[in-house]
Structure formats: C-alpha cells, structure tokens
Amino acid sequence: MKYLLAAVMLASAVVGFSEAASAAGGCGPGWYRGPYGHCRPMRSAVVVRPAPVVVAPAPVVVVPRARVCPYGFRWYAGRCRPF
C-alpha cells in the first residue's frame, strides 16, 4: 500500500509540473509574464524585425451639402422652420 501511495504521489507531481511548464505562465510558448502580469514576447540576441510600413494619408474631399430645407425655411432645432 505504501508503494502504491508513493507511485500515485510521484505521478501526480510529474503531471502537475509538466502542465505548469508547458503553460508558460498562461501566456503560451515564446512569451513570459512581465512585472505587472502582462504577457511579453521573449527576445533573443538575433531578432530580425520587418521595417515599418508607412502609408500616406488619403486626400480629404469636401463636397457641399445639398439643401436640406426648402427655400424660405431654415434648419433650426432639429427641423425645418420658416424664417
């Protein structure tokens, strides 16, 4: 009975430690927990990062708005009202 209990305890310890090691702190492989608990990527000495892509902004086109109210009325307080 002692040997069975020892074998069960050893097996549970091995399974417990192997799961904790593969979880990598809950961040996944290649990541670690930072000082405030956030997941951060592990960096090596030879990290090749792609150059940033810079995109020029699109030109802004201003189109005059069509008349909302008929002539003799104006837009005021959310609806067309006479002058």
C-alpha atoms as a PDB file:
ATOM      1  CA  MET A   1       0.000   0.000   0.000  1.00  0.00           C
ATOM      2  CA  LYS A   2       2.892   2.345   0.752  1.00  0.00           C
ATOM      3  CA  TYR A   3       4.368   1.778  -2.696  1.00  0.00           C
ATOM      4  CA  LEU A   4       1.039   2.434  -4.397  1.00  0.00           C
ATOM      5  CA  LEU A   5       0.596   5.697  -2.492  1.00  0.00           C
ATOM      6  CA  ALA A   6       4.174   6.765  -3.327  1.00  0.00           C
ATOM      7  CA  ALA A   7       3.653   5.939  -7.025  1.00  0.00           C
ATOM      8  CA  VAL A   8       0.405   7.928  -7.142  1.00  0.00           C
ATOM      9  CA  MET A   9       2.046  10.923  -5.460  1.00  0.00           C
ATOM     10  CA  LEU A  10       5.027  10.781  -7.822  1.00  0.00           C
ATOM     11  CA  ALA A  11       2.789  10.547 -10.887  1.00  0.00           C
ATOM     12  CA  SER A  12       0.639  13.476  -9.762  1.00  0.00           C
ATOM     13  CA  ALA A  13       3.747  15.599  -9.103  1.00  0.00           C
ATOM     14  CA  VAL A  14       5.183  14.826 -12.557  1.00  0.00           C
ATOM     15  CA  VAL A  15       1.883  15.655 -14.267  1.00  0.00           C
ATOM     16  CA  GLY A  16       1.480  18.825 -12.208  1.00  0.00           C
ATOM     17  CA  PHE A  17       4.941  20.162 -13.041  1.00  0.00           C
ATOM     18  CA  SER A  18       4.770  19.259 -16.718  1.00  0.00           C
ATOM     19  CA  GLU A  19       1.479  21.140 -17.195  1.00  0.00           C
ATOM     20  CA  ALA A  20       2.832  24.236 -15.448  1.00  0.00           C
ATOM     21  CA  ALA A  21       5.962  24.244 -17.605  1.00  0.00           C
ATOM     22  CA  SER A  22       4.053  23.943 -20.892  1.00  0.00           C
ATOM     23  CA  ALA A  23       1.635  26.702 -19.951  1.00  0.00           C
ATOM     24  CA  ALA A  24       4.492  29.266 -19.765  1.00  0.00           C
ATOM     25  CA  GLY A  25       2.713  31.339 -17.146  1.00  0.00           C
ATOM     26  CA  GLY A  26      -0.543  31.272 -19.088  1.00  0.00           C
ATOM     27  CA  CYS A  27       0.965  33.298 -21.939  1.00  0.00           C
ATOM     28  CA  GLY A  28       1.884  30.489 -24.318  1.00  0.00           C
ATOM     29  CA  PRO A  29       5.171  29.387 -25.858  1.00  0.00           C
ATOM     30  CA  GLY A  30       7.580  32.217 -26.663  1.00  0.00           C
ATOM     31  CA  TRP A  31       6.004  34.600 -24.145  1.00  0.00           C
ATOM     32  CA  TYR A  32       6.554  35.364 -20.451  1.00  0.00           C
ATOM     33  CA  ARG A  33       4.835  37.313 -17.676  1.00  0.00           C
ATOM     34  CA  GLY A  34       6.104  40.863 -17.243  1.00  0.00           C
ATOM     35  CA  PRO A  35       6.447  42.740 -13.957  1.00  0.00           C
ATOM     36  CA  TYR A  36       2.792  43.837 -13.987  1.00  0.00           C
ATOM     37  CA  GLY A  37       1.396  40.493 -15.134  1.00  0.00           C
ATOM     38  CA  HIS A  38       1.119  41.261 -18.852  1.00  0.00           C
ATOM     39  CA  CYS A  39       2.319  38.756 -21.446  1.00  0.00           C
ATOM     40  CA  ARG A  40       5.512  39.871 -23.200  1.00  0.00           C
ATOM     41  CA  PRO A  41       7.417  38.187 -26.059  1.00  0.00           C
ATOM     42  CA  MET A  42      10.747  36.579 -25.303  1.00  0.00           C
ATOM     43  CA  ARG A  43      13.534  38.390 -27.161  1.00  0.00           C
ATOM     44  CA  SER A  44      16.714  36.780 -28.364  1.00  0.00           C
ATOM     45  CA  ALA A  45      20.003  38.384 -29.353  1.00  0.00           C
ATOM     46  CA  VAL A  46      19.276  37.972 -33.070  1.00  0.00           C
ATOM     47  CA  VAL A  47      15.813  39.378 -33.694  1.00  0.00           C
ATOM     48  CA  VAL A  48      15.045  40.410 -37.253  1.00  0.00           C
ATOM     49  CA  ARG A  49      12.083  42.750 -37.397  1.00  0.00           C
ATOM     50  CA  PRO A  50      10.478  43.884 -40.626  1.00  0.00           C
ATOM     51  CA  ALA A  51      10.669  47.553 -41.489  1.00  0.00           C
ATOM     52  CA  PRO A  52       7.554  49.574 -40.626  1.00  0.00           C
ATOM     53  CA  VAL A  53       5.160  50.312 -43.464  1.00  0.00           C
ATOM     54  CA  VAL A  54       4.314  53.992 -43.854  1.00  0.00           C
ATOM     55  CA  VAL A  55       1.109  54.775 -45.712  1.00  0.00           C
ATOM     56  CA  ALA A  56       0.387  58.290 -46.948  1.00  0.00           C
ATOM     57  CA  PRO A  57      -2.971  59.655 -45.796  1.00  0.00           C
ATOM     58  CA  ALA A  58      -5.771  59.785 -48.333  1.00  0.00           C
ATOM     59  CA  PRO A  59      -6.769  63.224 -49.622  1.00  0.00           C
ATOM     60  CA  VAL A  60      -9.794  64.788 -47.973  1.00  0.00           C
ATOM     61  CA  VAL A  61     -12.584  65.702 -50.380  1.00  0.00           C
ATOM     62  CA  VAL A  62     -15.179  68.211 -49.185  1.00  0.00           C
ATOM     63  CA  VAL A  63     -18.474  68.114 -51.054  1.00  0.00           C
ATOM     64  CA  PRO A  64     -21.029  70.864 -50.410  1.00  0.00           C
ATOM     65  CA  ARG A  65     -24.123  69.511 -48.741  1.00  0.00           C
ATOM     66  CA  ALA A  66     -27.377  69.569 -50.650  1.00  0.00           C
ATOM     67  CA  ARG A  67     -30.050  71.903 -49.341  1.00  0.00           C
ATOM     68  CA  VAL A  68     -31.987  70.193 -46.575  1.00  0.00           C
ATOM     69  CA  CYS A  69     -34.896  72.598 -46.193  1.00  0.00           C
ATOM     70  CA  PRO A  70     -36.973  74.215 -48.972  1.00  0.00           C
ATOM     71  CA  TYR A  71     -36.496  77.915 -49.783  1.00  0.00           C
ATOM     72  CA  GLY A  72     -37.989  80.205 -47.158  1.00  0.00           C
ATOM     73  CA  PHE A  73     -37.143  77.742 -44.360  1.00  0.00           C
ATOM     74  CA  ARG A  74     -34.009  77.074 -42.341  1.00  0.00           C
ATOM     75  CA  TRP A  75     -32.729  74.178 -40.292  1.00  0.00           C
ATOM     76  CA  TYR A  76     -33.166  75.058 -36.620  1.00  0.00           C
ATOM     77  CA  ALA A  77     -33.574  72.928 -33.512  1.00  0.00           C
ATOM     78  CA  GLY A  78     -33.601  69.683 -35.462  1.00  0.00           C
ATOM     79  CA  ARG A  79     -36.201  70.533 -38.130  1.00  0.00           C
ATOM     80  CA  CYS A  80     -37.056  72.944 -40.931  1.00  0.00           C
ATOM     81  CA  ARG A  81     -38.586  76.176 -39.631  1.00  0.00           C
ATOM     82  CA  PRO A  82     -39.696  79.283 -41.519  1.00  0.00           C
ATOM     83  CA  PHE A  83     -37.529  82.438 -41.292  1.00  0.00           C
END
